[in-house]
N, C-alpha and C. Protein backbone atom coordinates (compact mmCIF):
# COMPACT_ATOMS: atom_id res chain seq x y z
N UNK A 1 92.78 -193.13 36.43
CA UNK A 1 93.41 -192.15 35.48
C UNK A 1 93.46 -191.09 36.37
N UNK A 2 94.69 -190.42 36.63
CA UNK A 2 94.78 -189.04 37.29
C UNK A 2 95.81 -188.39 36.36
N UNK A 3 95.33 -187.06 36.46
CA UNK A 3 96.26 -186.02 35.41
C UNK A 3 97.39 -185.75 36.12
N UNK A 4 98.22 -185.31 35.50
CA UNK A 4 99.67 -184.49 36.22
C UNK A 4 99.16 -183.00 36.56
N UNK A 5 99.86 -182.62 37.55
CA UNK A 5 99.47 -180.85 37.74
C UNK A 5 100.53 -180.42 36.58
N UNK A 6 99.94 -178.95 36.50
CA UNK A 6 100.85 -178.25 35.84
C UNK A 6 102.18 -178.16 36.71
N UNK A 7 102.06 -177.41 38.09
CA UNK A 7 103.37 -177.14 38.43
C UNK A 7 103.40 -178.39 39.69
N UNK A 8 104.41 -178.52 40.15
CA UNK A 8 104.68 -179.20 41.33
C UNK A 8 104.16 -179.02 42.76
N UNK A 9 103.49 -179.38 43.22
CA UNK A 9 103.13 -178.97 44.74
C UNK A 9 103.76 -177.99 45.46
N UNK A 10 105.13 -177.78 45.80
CA UNK A 10 106.15 -177.42 46.37
C UNK A 10 105.77 -176.21 45.77
N UNK A 11 106.19 -176.08 44.78
CA UNK A 11 106.07 -174.52 44.09
C UNK A 11 104.88 -174.10 44.45
N UNK A 12 103.72 -174.50 44.46
CA UNK A 12 102.48 -173.65 44.86
C UNK A 12 102.48 -173.31 46.45
N UNK A 13 102.87 -174.32 46.92
CA UNK A 13 103.19 -173.89 48.62
C UNK A 13 103.99 -172.79 48.60
N UNK A 14 105.18 -172.87 48.03
CA UNK A 14 106.00 -171.79 48.06
C UNK A 14 105.33 -170.40 47.89
N UNK A 15 104.67 -170.30 46.77
CA UNK A 15 103.87 -168.96 45.94
C UNK A 15 102.75 -168.64 47.26
N UNK A 16 101.89 -169.53 47.71
CA UNK A 16 100.97 -169.78 48.45
C UNK A 16 101.47 -168.84 49.63
N UNK A 17 102.34 -169.24 50.27
CA UNK A 17 103.27 -168.89 51.28
C UNK A 17 103.48 -167.09 51.32
N UNK A 18 104.38 -166.87 50.15
CA UNK A 18 104.46 -165.52 49.87
C UNK A 18 103.12 -164.70 49.74
N UNK A 19 102.53 -165.12 49.14
CA UNK A 19 101.58 -163.83 48.80
C UNK A 19 100.47 -164.20 49.90
N UNK A 20 100.40 -165.14 50.83
CA UNK A 20 99.63 -164.77 52.34
C UNK A 20 100.28 -164.07 52.93
N UNK A 21 102.00 -164.03 52.86
CA UNK A 21 102.32 -163.59 53.92
C UNK A 21 102.89 -161.72 53.76
N UNK A 22 102.51 -161.72 52.62
CA UNK A 22 102.44 -159.87 52.23
C UNK A 22 101.14 -159.00 52.93
N UNK A 23 101.65 -158.09 53.39
CA UNK A 23 100.33 -157.28 54.56
C UNK A 23 100.16 -155.97 53.35
N UNK A 24 99.26 -156.31 52.08
CA UNK A 24 99.23 -155.34 51.08
C UNK A 24 97.96 -155.58 50.87
N UNK A 25 97.57 -154.85 50.12
CA UNK A 25 96.02 -154.76 49.21
C UNK A 25 96.22 -156.32 48.02
N UNK A 26 95.25 -156.86 47.96
CA UNK A 26 95.13 -158.30 47.09
C UNK A 26 95.85 -157.61 45.76
N UNK A 27 95.04 -156.18 44.99
CA UNK A 27 95.59 -156.46 43.47
C UNK A 27 97.24 -155.53 43.73
N UNK A 28 97.84 -155.25 44.76
CA UNK A 28 99.34 -154.89 44.53
C UNK A 28 100.22 -155.75 45.06
N UNK A 29 99.77 -157.49 45.10
CA UNK A 29 100.57 -158.19 46.09
C UNK A 29 101.68 -158.53 44.95
N UNK A 30 101.57 -158.73 43.77
CA UNK A 30 102.50 -159.19 42.71
C UNK A 30 103.48 -158.08 42.35
N UNK A 31 104.74 -158.51 41.62
CA UNK A 31 105.85 -157.59 41.34
C UNK A 31 105.71 -156.29 40.35
N UNK A 32 104.63 -157.10 39.65
CA UNK A 32 104.54 -155.95 38.35
C UNK A 32 103.27 -155.28 38.41
N UNK A 33 102.24 -155.43 39.45
CA UNK A 33 100.80 -154.89 39.97
C UNK A 33 100.74 -153.60 40.09
N UNK A 34 102.11 -152.92 40.41
CA UNK A 34 101.76 -151.58 40.36
C UNK A 34 101.65 -150.89 39.07
N UNK A 35 102.54 -151.53 37.89
CA UNK A 35 102.21 -150.78 36.67
C UNK A 35 100.89 -151.11 36.58
N UNK A 36 100.29 -152.43 36.36
CA UNK A 36 99.07 -152.67 35.96
C UNK A 36 97.68 -152.12 36.57
N UNK A 37 98.08 -152.16 37.91
CA UNK A 37 96.91 -151.24 38.77
C UNK A 37 97.09 -149.79 38.85
N UNK A 38 97.88 -149.34 38.87
CA UNK A 38 98.22 -147.95 39.14
C UNK A 38 98.92 -146.98 38.17
N UNK A 39 99.70 -147.53 37.31
CA UNK A 39 100.48 -146.68 36.44
C UNK A 39 99.51 -146.20 35.14
N UNK A 40 99.02 -147.47 34.78
CA UNK A 40 98.05 -147.36 33.48
C UNK A 40 96.83 -146.79 33.61
N UNK A 41 96.36 -146.92 34.67
CA UNK A 41 94.82 -146.24 34.86
C UNK A 41 94.94 -144.44 35.22
N UNK A 42 96.32 -144.28 35.44
CA UNK A 42 96.69 -142.99 35.76
C UNK A 42 97.10 -142.60 34.61
N UNK A 43 97.48 -143.07 33.92
CA UNK A 43 98.22 -142.30 32.46
C UNK A 43 96.72 -142.28 31.82
N UNK A 44 95.99 -143.24 31.80
CA UNK A 44 94.58 -143.11 30.90
C UNK A 44 93.70 -141.93 31.54
N UNK A 45 93.66 -141.70 32.69
CA UNK A 45 92.83 -140.68 32.96
C UNK A 45 93.70 -139.28 32.79
N UNK A 46 95.07 -139.17 32.95
CA UNK A 46 95.63 -137.95 32.90
C UNK A 46 95.20 -137.77 31.17
N UNK A 47 95.32 -138.42 30.26
CA UNK A 47 95.17 -138.25 28.66
C UNK A 47 93.99 -137.80 28.34
N UNK A 48 92.72 -138.58 29.44
CA UNK A 48 91.54 -138.12 29.07
C UNK A 48 91.41 -136.60 29.77
N UNK A 49 91.44 -136.40 30.75
CA UNK A 49 91.69 -134.87 31.44
C UNK A 49 92.22 -134.06 30.29
N UNK A 50 93.53 -134.28 29.48
CA UNK A 50 93.91 -133.32 28.61
C UNK A 50 93.06 -133.16 27.60
N UNK A 51 92.45 -134.00 26.68
CA UNK A 51 91.51 -134.53 25.73
C UNK A 51 90.76 -133.54 26.14
N UNK A 52 89.80 -133.66 27.09
CA UNK A 52 88.62 -132.93 27.69
C UNK A 52 89.06 -131.48 27.85
N UNK A 53 90.33 -131.29 28.66
CA UNK A 53 90.55 -129.67 28.47
C UNK A 53 90.87 -129.21 27.19
N UNK A 54 91.43 -129.74 26.48
CA UNK A 54 91.66 -129.25 24.91
C UNK A 54 90.22 -128.94 24.26
N UNK A 55 89.37 -130.14 24.16
CA UNK A 55 88.21 -129.82 23.80
C UNK A 55 87.21 -128.70 24.16
N UNK A 56 87.11 -128.54 25.54
CA UNK A 56 86.45 -126.93 25.84
C UNK A 56 87.38 -126.06 25.55
N UNK A 57 88.72 -125.91 25.84
CA UNK A 57 89.38 -124.76 25.40
C UNK A 57 88.88 -124.44 23.56
N UNK A 58 88.99 -125.49 22.99
CA UNK A 58 88.54 -125.10 21.59
C UNK A 58 87.15 -124.70 21.11
N UNK A 59 86.40 -125.06 21.95
CA UNK A 59 84.84 -125.02 22.04
C UNK A 59 84.62 -123.68 22.56
N UNK A 60 85.32 -122.96 23.50
CA UNK A 60 85.08 -121.81 23.76
C UNK A 60 85.61 -120.68 23.35
N UNK A 61 86.96 -120.90 22.41
CA UNK A 61 87.56 -119.98 21.54
C UNK A 61 87.09 -120.54 20.26
N UNK A 62 86.70 -121.04 19.75
CA UNK A 62 85.89 -121.64 18.15
C UNK A 62 87.06 -121.62 17.23
N UNK A 63 88.10 -122.93 18.06
CA UNK A 63 89.26 -122.84 17.62
C UNK A 63 89.31 -124.42 16.91
N UNK A 64 89.99 -124.76 15.56
CA UNK A 64 89.88 -126.07 15.44
C UNK A 64 88.77 -126.49 14.61
N UNK A 65 87.71 -125.75 14.20
CA UNK A 65 86.43 -126.34 13.46
C UNK A 65 86.56 -126.67 11.95
N UNK A 66 86.00 -127.66 11.68
CA UNK A 66 85.74 -128.12 10.29
C UNK A 66 84.67 -127.20 9.47
N UNK A 67 85.43 -126.69 8.27
CA UNK A 67 84.65 -126.41 7.47
C UNK A 67 83.93 -126.93 6.57
């Protein structure tokens, strides 16, 4: 009893050749990897820095206190 593979062997060999032939870091080899590995972390870091800066400003000036 042998299971049929999910994809044909030729397709896997083509994808392996494509990914092994690219001389980039392994986390940037796919076509959409720049978005998930670079853009999203930069957006999160930027928003965190903004919120931290706003909090420090509010604390130092006594703005935005709840009574």
